Amino acid sequence: MNKKQSGSVQSASVLIAAAFLMATSAIGPGFLTQTATFTDRFHGSFGFVILISLLLAAVVQLNVWRVLCVSNLRGQDVANRVFNGLGYFVAALICLGGLAFNIGNVGGTSLGLNAALGLDVRVGYLVSGAIGIVVFLVKQASKVMDWLVKILGGIMIVVILIVIFIVQPPVGLALKETFVPSTPVTDLAPAILTLLGGTVGGYITFSGAHRLIDAGISGEENLGQITRSSVMGIGIASIVRIFLFLAVLGVVINGVTLDASNPAADAFLLGAGEVGYRFFGLVLWAAGTTSIVGAAYTSVSFLKTLSKTVNQYANWVTVAFIAVSTLIMLLLGQPAKLLVLAGALNGLILPVTLGVCLVASQKKDIMGENYKHPTWLFVAGIVVFCLSAYLGITSLGNLSKLFA
C-alpha cells in the first residue's frame, strides 16, 4: 500500500470515527430512557417523532459541521469571531453541561454493569471512570478513542437487533405511523423538541466536528468528506433510536405499561426475560462508556484554544475531568439536581451555538472569500433556531427545580 492509499484509509477511518463519536455521545443513559418512555406513551406514533427530529437534527449538524470544518475553527473560536468574548460564555456552558452529564454517564454505566454482571454500583462507578481515564492515558489516545466508540457503537446495534428478533415488533404499524401518526401532531411536538436537544444539543454536535479539526480534515476542499461524516453521525444515532423504538414497541403494543423508574430496562426484561435484562445492562454500559469519552473529549476541546496550558496538557485535563465526574458520582450517589441543571444548560446551548454558526456562515472573514453557504440550509437553520430557542426558554423553567 503506497502513502496515498494509506493516507486515504486513515482519513476514511477518522471520518467514520468522528461520526461514531458524535452518535455515541448522543446515545447515553438518558437517550435510552427517553426513547423507552416516549415509545410507551405514543406507541407507533413515536416513529413520526423520530423522523421529524432526525430531519431537524440533520439541519443543525450540517450547518455546524460545515461552518466549523470549513473555517478550521472550533466552536468557541467561531463564537469569539462572531462576537468577542462570546466563545468564553459558550465554552463555560459546554463544560458545565458536559460535567453534569458526565456524572450521570458514570452512574448509568455503573447501572449497566450491575444489570449485566451484578456488580455493586459503587464499584461500578470506579470501574466506569477508570475505563474512560485509561483511554486518555495511552500514547495514541485519539486512535484508542476512535476504536472504542466504533466497537461499542457496533455492540449496541447488534444487541438491540437481537432483542428485536425476540420481541417481533409490528414493523408495518410502525412504518405507517411514522408517516401518518394516530396521535395528534400537537401532542407530539414536545417530544420532537426533546429529541432534538438530546441528539444535537450541548456538546454533542461539536464532538465529531472537533475530532475532524484535530485530525486535520478541514477546509472547503474536504467539504464532501465532512458532509458525509456529519450525515453518517446523525444516521448512526437514528438507527440506534429506531432499533430501540422497535424493540420497546414490540413489548408495549401488547398493553404492557413500563416501569416509569427504569422503562428501558423493564422493556428488555419483559420482552426477552432475564437474558434481555442482561442485554440491557450491556447496552447501557456501552452507551454510558462512549458518552463518558465523548463528553470529556468535547468539553476539554472547548478550552484548548482559550488556554495554552489546557492545550499543552489536553489529555491530562480530560483525565481530570473524568476523575472529578467519577468522584462526584461516588460521593453524591444520585446527582438529580445536577442532571436537571445539565438539561437546562443543554436547552440554552443549542440555539446559541446554532445561531452563532448561522451568523458565521455569512461572514467572509470567517468562512473565506469564495465560500457560499447553501441558501436552503441557512433558511432551514433559522427555522430550527426558532424551535430550539423555544426549547431553551422552556428548559429555563427546570432551573427552579434545583431549589425546590
Protein backbone atom coordinates (compact mmCIF):
# COMPACT_ATOMS: atom_id res chain seq x y z
CA MET A 1 0.00 0.00 0.00
CA ASN A 2 1.52 3.36 -1.05
CA LYS A 3 1.48 6.53 1.06
CA LYS A 4 -1.51 8.00 -0.82
CA GLN A 5 -3.61 4.87 -0.28
CA SER A 6 -2.53 4.66 3.36
CA GLY A 7 -3.50 8.30 3.92
CA SER A 8 -6.86 7.70 2.25
CA VAL A 9 -7.59 4.72 4.52
CA GLN A 10 -6.58 6.72 7.63
CA SER A 11 -8.76 9.63 6.51
CA ALA A 12 -11.75 7.32 5.99
CA SER A 13 -11.16 5.78 9.42
CA VAL A 14 -11.17 9.21 11.07
CA LEU A 15 -14.34 10.25 9.19
CA ILE A 16 -16.14 7.13 10.40
CA ALA A 17 -14.77 7.57 13.93
CA ALA A 18 -15.93 11.22 14.03
CA ALA A 19 -19.43 10.08 13.01
CA PHE A 20 -19.44 7.39 15.69
CA LEU A 21 -18.09 9.84 18.30
CA MET A 22 -20.96 12.24 17.63
CA ALA A 23 -23.55 9.43 17.53
CA THR A 24 -22.37 7.61 20.64
CA SER A 25 -22.04 10.90 22.51
CA ALA A 26 -25.78 11.30 21.92
CA ILE A 27 -26.56 7.69 22.88
CA GLY A 28 -26.19 7.86 26.66
CA PRO A 29 -28.32 6.60 29.56
CA GLY A 30 -30.77 9.47 29.04
CA PHE A 31 -31.17 8.53 25.36
CA LEU A 32 -32.27 5.00 26.33
CA THR A 33 -34.74 6.20 28.98
CA GLN A 34 -36.10 8.92 26.72
CA THR A 35 -36.75 6.54 23.82
CA ALA A 36 -38.42 3.90 26.01
CA THR A 37 -40.60 6.49 27.79
CA PHE A 38 -41.90 8.09 24.58
CA THR A 39 -42.48 4.71 22.89
CA ASP A 40 -44.51 3.62 25.91
CA ARG A 41 -46.54 6.84 25.72
CA PHE A 42 -47.07 7.20 21.96
CA HIS A 43 -46.60 3.63 20.65
CA GLY A 44 -46.27 3.64 16.84
CA SER A 45 -46.62 7.43 16.57
CA PHE A 46 -43.20 7.81 18.15
CA GLY A 47 -41.83 6.85 14.72
CA PHE A 48 -43.10 10.23 13.45
CA VAL A 49 -41.29 11.97 16.32
CA ILE A 50 -38.05 10.20 15.36
CA LEU A 51 -38.46 11.13 11.68
CA ILE A 52 -39.07 14.85 12.27
CA SER A 53 -36.37 15.16 14.94
CA LEU A 54 -33.95 13.37 12.57
CA LEU A 55 -34.59 15.95 9.83
CA LEU A 56 -34.22 18.87 12.26
CA ALA A 57 -31.05 17.39 13.77
CA ALA A 58 -29.57 16.94 10.30
CA VAL A 59 -30.11 20.66 9.61
CA VAL A 60 -28.27 21.56 12.83
CA GLN A 61 -25.46 19.10 12.16
CA LEU A 62 -24.89 20.16 8.55
CA ASN A 63 -24.81 23.86 9.47
CA VAL A 64 -22.49 23.45 12.46
CA TRP A 65 -20.05 20.98 10.90
CA ARG A 66 -19.81 22.99 7.67
CA VAL A 67 -19.01 26.23 9.47
CA LEU A 68 -16.50 24.71 11.90
CA CYS A 69 -14.67 22.46 9.48
CA VAL A 70 -14.56 24.86 6.50
CA SER A 71 -13.31 27.70 8.73
CA ASN A 72 -10.99 25.27 10.60
CA LEU A 73 -12.16 26.87 13.85
CA ARG A 74 -13.61 25.11 16.90
CA GLY A 75 -16.95 26.22 18.28
CA GLN A 76 -15.54 28.61 20.88
CA ASP A 77 -13.30 30.31 18.30
CA VAL A 78 -16.15 30.78 15.82
CA ALA A 79 -18.20 32.34 18.65
CA ASN A 80 -15.35 34.72 19.54
CA ARG A 81 -15.01 35.75 15.90
CA VAL A 82 -18.73 36.49 15.69
CA PHE A 83 -18.77 38.46 18.95
CA ASN A 84 -15.65 38.99 21.03
CA GLY A 85 -15.95 37.16 24.36
CA LEU A 86 -18.91 35.01 23.34
CA GLY A 87 -16.62 31.99 22.95
CA TYR A 88 -15.81 32.04 26.66
CA PHE A 89 -19.52 32.02 27.50
CA VAL A 90 -20.19 29.12 25.13
CA ALA A 91 -17.19 27.19 26.48
CA ALA A 92 -18.43 27.68 30.05
CA LEU A 93 -21.92 26.39 29.15
CA ILE A 94 -20.49 23.38 27.30
CA CYS A 95 -18.10 22.44 30.11
CA LEU A 96 -20.66 22.84 32.90
CA GLY A 97 -23.27 20.87 30.99
CA GLY A 98 -20.69 18.28 29.96
CA LEU A 99 -19.52 17.79 33.54
CA ALA A 100 -23.05 17.38 34.88
CA PHE A 101 -23.97 14.92 32.13
CA ASN A 102 -20.73 13.03 32.62
CA ILE A 103 -21.64 12.44 36.25
CA GLY A 104 -24.89 10.91 35.03
CA ASN A 105 -22.98 8.89 32.41
CA VAL A 106 -20.76 7.40 35.11
CA GLY A 107 -23.88 6.47 37.09
CA GLY A 108 -25.59 4.99 34.04
CA THR A 109 -22.55 2.92 33.11
CA SER A 110 -22.40 1.56 36.66
CA LEU A 111 -26.07 0.57 36.50
CA GLY A 112 -25.31 -1.22 33.24
CA LEU A 113 -22.54 -3.25 34.88
CA ASN A 114 -24.91 -4.02 37.74
CA ALA A 115 -27.62 -5.28 35.36
CA ALA A 116 -25.22 -7.26 33.15
CA LEU A 117 -22.88 -8.71 35.79
CA GLY A 118 -24.43 -7.97 39.18
CA LEU A 119 -21.51 -5.69 40.07
CA ASP A 120 -22.02 -3.38 43.08
CA VAL A 121 -22.89 0.11 41.79
CA ARG A 122 -20.20 1.89 43.83
CA VAL A 123 -17.56 -0.45 42.42
CA GLY A 124 -19.14 0.19 39.04
CA TYR A 125 -18.57 3.94 39.41
CA LEU A 126 -14.84 3.34 39.83
CA VAL A 127 -14.64 0.81 37.00
CA SER A 128 -16.54 3.14 34.67
CA GLY A 129 -14.34 6.11 35.47
CA ALA A 130 -11.18 4.01 35.18
CA ILE A 131 -12.06 2.80 31.68
CA GLY A 132 -12.57 6.39 30.49
CA ILE A 133 -9.32 7.52 32.13
CA VAL A 134 -7.28 4.70 30.55
CA VAL A 135 -8.39 5.81 27.07
CA PHE A 136 -6.71 9.20 27.55
CA LEU A 137 -3.62 7.91 29.36
CA VAL A 138 -2.31 5.86 26.45
CA LYS A 139 0.15 7.38 23.98
CA GLN A 140 -2.22 7.45 21.00
CA ALA A 141 -5.37 8.41 22.87
CA SER A 142 -7.25 9.66 19.81
CA LYS A 143 -6.84 6.33 17.99
CA VAL A 144 -7.96 4.37 21.06
CA MET A 145 -10.98 6.67 21.39
CA ASP A 146 -11.81 6.15 17.70
CA TRP A 147 -11.57 2.39 18.10
CA LEU A 148 -13.60 2.32 21.31
CA VAL A 149 -16.59 4.32 20.02
CA LYS A 150 -16.79 2.24 16.83
CA ILE A 151 -16.64 -1.10 18.65
CA LEU A 152 -19.10 -0.17 21.41
CA GLY A 153 -21.43 1.53 18.93
CA GLY A 154 -21.49 -1.68 16.91
CA ILE A 155 -22.18 -3.75 20.03
CA MET A 156 -25.21 -1.61 20.89
CA ILE A 157 -26.69 -2.01 17.41
CA VAL A 158 -26.19 -5.80 17.36
CA VAL A 159 -27.58 -6.38 20.87
CA ILE A 160 -30.71 -4.29 20.25
CA LEU A 161 -31.21 -6.10 16.93
CA ILE A 162 -31.19 -9.43 18.79
CA VAL A 163 -33.93 -8.17 21.13
CA ILE A 164 -35.96 -7.00 18.11
CA PHE A 165 -35.87 -10.53 16.67
CA ILE A 166 -37.03 -11.88 20.04
CA VAL A 167 -39.98 -9.48 20.58
CA GLN A 168 -41.03 -9.31 16.90
CA PRO A 169 -42.48 -5.75 16.84
CA PRO A 170 -45.26 -4.71 14.41
CA VAL A 171 -42.95 -3.16 11.80
CA GLY A 172 -45.81 -2.43 9.40
CA LEU A 173 -47.71 -0.42 12.03
CA ALA A 174 -44.52 1.46 12.99
CA LEU A 175 -43.82 2.32 9.35
CA LYS A 176 -47.39 3.52 8.73
CA GLU A 177 -47.49 5.72 11.84
CA THR A 178 -44.06 7.15 11.09
CA PHE A 179 -45.67 8.98 8.17
CA VAL A 180 -49.32 9.12 9.32
CA PRO A 181 -49.33 9.24 13.14
CA SER A 182 -52.53 8.37 15.00
CA THR A 183 -51.54 10.76 17.82
CA PRO A 184 -52.20 14.47 17.07
CA VAL A 185 -49.01 16.25 15.96
CA THR A 186 -49.57 18.96 18.58
CA ASP A 187 -49.26 16.28 21.28
CA LEU A 188 -46.03 15.02 19.71
CA ALA A 189 -44.34 18.45 19.42
CA PRO A 190 -42.76 18.50 22.92
CA ALA A 191 -41.26 15.06 22.29
CA ILE A 192 -39.81 16.26 18.96
CA LEU A 193 -38.08 19.20 20.66
CA THR A 194 -36.81 16.93 23.45
CA LEU A 195 -35.30 14.51 20.95
CA LEU A 196 -33.72 17.39 19.03
CA GLY A 197 -31.91 18.57 22.16
CA GLY A 198 -30.92 15.01 23.05
CA THR A 199 -29.45 14.33 19.60
CA VAL A 200 -27.58 17.54 18.78
CA GLY A 201 -27.84 19.65 21.96
CA GLY A 202 -24.99 20.77 24.19
CA TYR A 203 -21.57 19.35 23.36
CA ILE A 204 -22.91 16.52 21.16
CA THR A 205 -22.98 18.10 17.71
CA PHE A 206 -19.47 19.55 18.22
CA SER A 207 -17.82 16.27 19.21
CA GLY A 208 -17.34 14.89 15.70
CA ALA A 209 -16.53 18.26 14.11
CA HIS A 210 -13.80 18.94 16.69
CA ARG A 211 -12.42 15.43 16.07
CA LEU A 212 -12.12 16.18 12.34
CA ILE A 213 -10.38 19.50 13.04
CA ASP A 214 -7.94 17.77 15.40
CA ALA A 215 -7.21 15.24 12.64
CA GLY A 216 -6.57 17.99 10.09
CA ILE A 217 -9.64 17.20 7.95
CA SER A 218 -10.94 20.71 7.34
CA GLY A 219 -11.21 23.39 4.68
CA GLU A 220 -13.57 23.76 1.74
CA GLU A 221 -11.59 21.21 -0.28
CA ASN A 222 -12.72 18.50 2.18
CA LEU A 223 -16.36 19.62 2.30
CA GLY A 224 -17.65 16.45 0.64
CA GLN A 225 -16.00 14.22 3.24
CA ILE A 226 -17.11 16.48 6.08
CA THR A 227 -20.73 16.39 4.89
CA ARG A 228 -20.70 12.59 4.56
CA SER A 229 -19.29 12.19 8.06
CA SER A 230 -21.85 14.57 9.58
CA VAL A 231 -24.77 12.78 7.88
CA MET A 232 -23.32 9.43 8.95
CA GLY A 233 -23.24 10.59 12.58
CA ILE A 234 -26.92 11.52 12.56
CA GLY A 235 -27.68 8.29 10.70
CA ILE A 236 -25.96 6.08 13.29
CA ALA A 237 -27.74 7.80 16.20
CA SER A 238 -31.04 7.49 14.35
CA ILE A 239 -30.51 3.78 13.56
CA VAL A 240 -29.98 3.05 17.26
CA ARG A 241 -33.04 5.16 18.14
CA ILE A 242 -35.19 3.33 15.55
CA PHE A 243 -33.99 -0.11 16.64
CA LEU A 244 -34.61 0.71 20.29
CA PHE A 245 -38.06 2.10 19.40
CA LEU A 246 -38.95 -1.15 17.61
CA ALA A 247 -37.64 -3.30 20.48
CA VAL A 248 -39.73 -1.39 23.04
CA LEU A 249 -42.78 -1.19 20.73
CA GLY A 250 -42.80 -4.97 20.48
CA VAL A 251 -43.36 -5.06 24.25
CA VAL A 252 -45.78 -2.17 24.89
CA ILE A 253 -48.02 -2.95 21.90
CA ASN A 254 -49.41 -5.84 23.95
CA GLY A 255 -50.88 -3.45 26.53
CA VAL A 256 -47.96 -3.58 28.96
CA THR A 257 -47.10 -0.41 30.90
CA LEU A 258 -43.41 0.01 31.60
CA ASP A 259 -41.94 0.80 34.99
CA ALA A 260 -41.54 4.59 34.88
CA SER A 261 -38.43 4.50 37.08
CA ASN A 262 -36.48 2.46 34.50
CA PRO A 263 -38.59 1.97 31.36
CA ALA A 264 -35.80 0.78 29.04
CA ALA A 265 -34.66 -1.97 31.46
CA ASP A 266 -38.26 -3.02 32.04
CA ALA A 267 -38.88 -3.28 28.29
CA PHE A 268 -35.87 -5.55 27.79
CA LEU A 269 -36.85 -7.65 30.83
CA LEU A 270 -40.48 -8.09 29.76
CA GLY A 271 -39.57 -8.66 26.14
CA ALA A 272 -36.70 -11.13 26.49
CA GLY A 273 -36.69 -12.24 30.14
CA GLU A 274 -33.52 -12.47 32.22
CA VAL A 275 -31.36 -12.65 29.09
CA GLY A 276 -33.00 -9.45 27.84
CA TYR A 277 -32.23 -7.72 31.14
CA ARG A 278 -28.56 -8.75 30.83
CA PHE A 279 -28.59 -7.43 27.27
CA PHE A 280 -29.98 -4.13 28.52
CA GLY A 281 -27.11 -3.94 31.00
CA LEU A 282 -24.63 -4.40 28.15
CA VAL A 283 -26.31 -1.71 26.04
CA LEU A 284 -26.43 0.70 28.99
CA TRP A 285 -22.77 0.06 29.79
CA ALA A 286 -21.71 0.65 26.18
CA ALA A 287 -23.89 3.78 25.90
CA GLY A 288 -22.56 5.23 29.14
CA THR A 289 -18.91 4.45 28.37
CA THR A 290 -18.96 6.09 24.94
CA SER A 291 -20.78 9.10 26.37
CA ILE A 292 -18.16 9.47 29.12
CA VAL A 293 -15.42 9.56 26.50
CA GLY A 294 -17.36 11.87 24.16
CA ALA A 295 -18.43 14.35 26.84
CA ALA A 296 -14.94 14.60 28.35
CA TYR A 297 -13.13 14.91 25.00
CA THR A 298 -15.51 17.56 23.62
CA SER A 299 -15.75 19.60 26.83
CA VAL A 300 -11.95 19.87 27.07
CA SER A 301 -11.67 20.65 23.34
CA PHE A 302 -13.69 23.82 24.05
CA LEU A 303 -10.90 25.01 26.34
CA LYS A 304 -7.92 24.15 24.12
CA THR A 305 -7.69 27.40 22.21
CA LEU A 306 -8.72 29.51 25.21
CA SER A 307 -5.90 28.26 27.43
CA LYS A 308 -2.34 27.38 26.39
CA THR A 309 -2.00 25.21 29.50
CA VAL A 310 -5.11 23.16 28.65
CA ASN A 311 -3.90 22.80 25.05
CA GLN A 312 -0.49 21.58 26.20
CA TYR A 313 -1.87 19.08 28.70
CA ALA A 314 -5.21 18.27 27.00
CA ASN A 315 -5.13 14.54 27.77
CA TRP A 316 -4.34 15.13 31.45
CA VAL A 317 -7.12 17.72 31.72
CA THR A 318 -9.50 15.19 30.14
CA VAL A 319 -8.38 12.57 32.68
CA ALA A 320 -9.04 15.06 35.49
CA PHE A 321 -12.48 15.83 34.01
CA ILE A 322 -13.44 12.15 34.12
CA ALA A 323 -11.91 11.68 37.59
CA VAL A 324 -13.90 14.60 39.01
CA SER A 325 -17.11 13.27 37.42
CA THR A 326 -16.48 9.86 38.97
CA LEU A 327 -15.64 11.30 42.40
CA ILE A 328 -18.79 13.44 42.49
CA MET A 329 -20.91 10.45 41.46
CA LEU A 330 -19.24 8.35 44.17
CA LEU A 331 -19.89 10.99 46.85
CA LEU A 332 -23.41 12.04 45.84
CA GLY A 333 -24.80 8.75 44.55
CA GLN A 334 -27.82 10.27 42.76
CA PRO A 335 -26.96 13.76 41.42
CA ALA A 336 -30.50 14.52 40.29
CA LYS A 337 -30.18 18.29 40.70
CA LEU A 338 -27.02 18.39 38.60
CA LEU A 339 -28.78 16.50 35.82
CA VAL A 340 -31.70 18.96 35.90
CA LEU A 341 -29.17 21.79 35.58
CA ALA A 342 -27.44 19.96 32.73
CA GLY A 343 -30.73 19.60 30.87
CA ALA A 344 -31.44 23.31 31.26
CA LEU A 345 -27.93 24.22 30.06
CA ASN A 346 -28.30 21.92 27.05
CA GLY A 347 -31.52 23.68 26.12
CA LEU A 348 -29.70 27.02 26.22
CA ILE A 349 -26.62 25.87 24.29
CA LEU A 350 -28.30 24.67 21.08
CA PRO A 351 -29.92 27.97 20.00
CA VAL A 352 -26.81 29.95 20.99
CA THR A 353 -24.36 27.75 19.10
CA LEU A 354 -26.62 27.24 16.07
CA GLY A 355 -27.28 30.98 15.92
CA VAL A 356 -23.55 31.71 16.08
CA CYS A 357 -22.86 29.27 13.23
CA LEU A 358 -25.63 30.75 11.08
CA VAL A 359 -24.19 34.25 11.51
CA ALA A 360 -20.66 32.96 10.88
CA SER A 361 -21.77 31.20 7.67
CA GLN A 362 -22.44 34.62 6.11
CA LYS A 363 -19.10 36.19 7.14
CA LYS A 364 -16.30 36.05 4.58
CA ASP A 365 -13.66 36.89 7.18
CA ILE A 366 -14.56 33.60 8.90
CA MET A 367 -15.54 31.33 6.01
CA GLY A 368 -13.26 32.67 3.26
CA GLU A 369 -13.89 34.83 0.22
CA ASN A 370 -15.10 32.05 -2.07
CA TYR A 371 -17.33 30.04 0.28
CA LYS A 372 -21.10 30.19 -0.27
CA HIS A 373 -23.38 28.65 2.33
CA PRO A 374 -26.39 26.88 0.74
CA THR A 375 -29.46 29.12 0.97
CA TRP A 376 -31.81 26.22 1.77
CA LEU A 377 -29.57 25.13 4.62
CA PHE A 378 -29.38 28.65 6.03
CA VAL A 379 -33.19 29.12 5.89
CA ALA A 380 -33.79 25.68 7.40
CA GLY A 381 -31.26 26.58 10.10
CA ILE A 382 -33.25 29.70 11.01
CA VAL A 383 -36.41 27.58 11.41
CA VAL A 384 -34.60 25.12 13.69
CA PHE A 385 -33.03 28.02 15.59
CA CYS A 386 -36.51 29.37 16.42
CA LEU A 387 -37.66 25.91 17.56
CA SER A 388 -34.54 25.35 19.66
CA ALA A 389 -34.87 28.83 21.19
CA TYR A 390 -38.35 27.84 22.33
CA LEU A 391 -36.85 24.65 23.80
CA GLY A 392 -34.18 26.72 25.55
CA ILE A 393 -36.72 29.09 27.10
CA THR A 394 -38.78 26.11 28.26
CA SER A 395 -35.74 24.45 29.78
CA LEU A 396 -35.09 27.50 31.94
CA GLY A 397 -38.16 26.54 33.94
CA ASN A 398 -36.30 23.41 35.06
CA LEU A 399 -33.82 25.56 36.96
CA SER A 400 -36.49 26.27 39.59
CA LYS A 401 -36.43 22.55 40.45
CA LEU A 402 -32.88 22.96 41.72
CA PHE A 403 -34.12 24.99 44.63
CA ALA A 404 -37.37 23.15 45.30
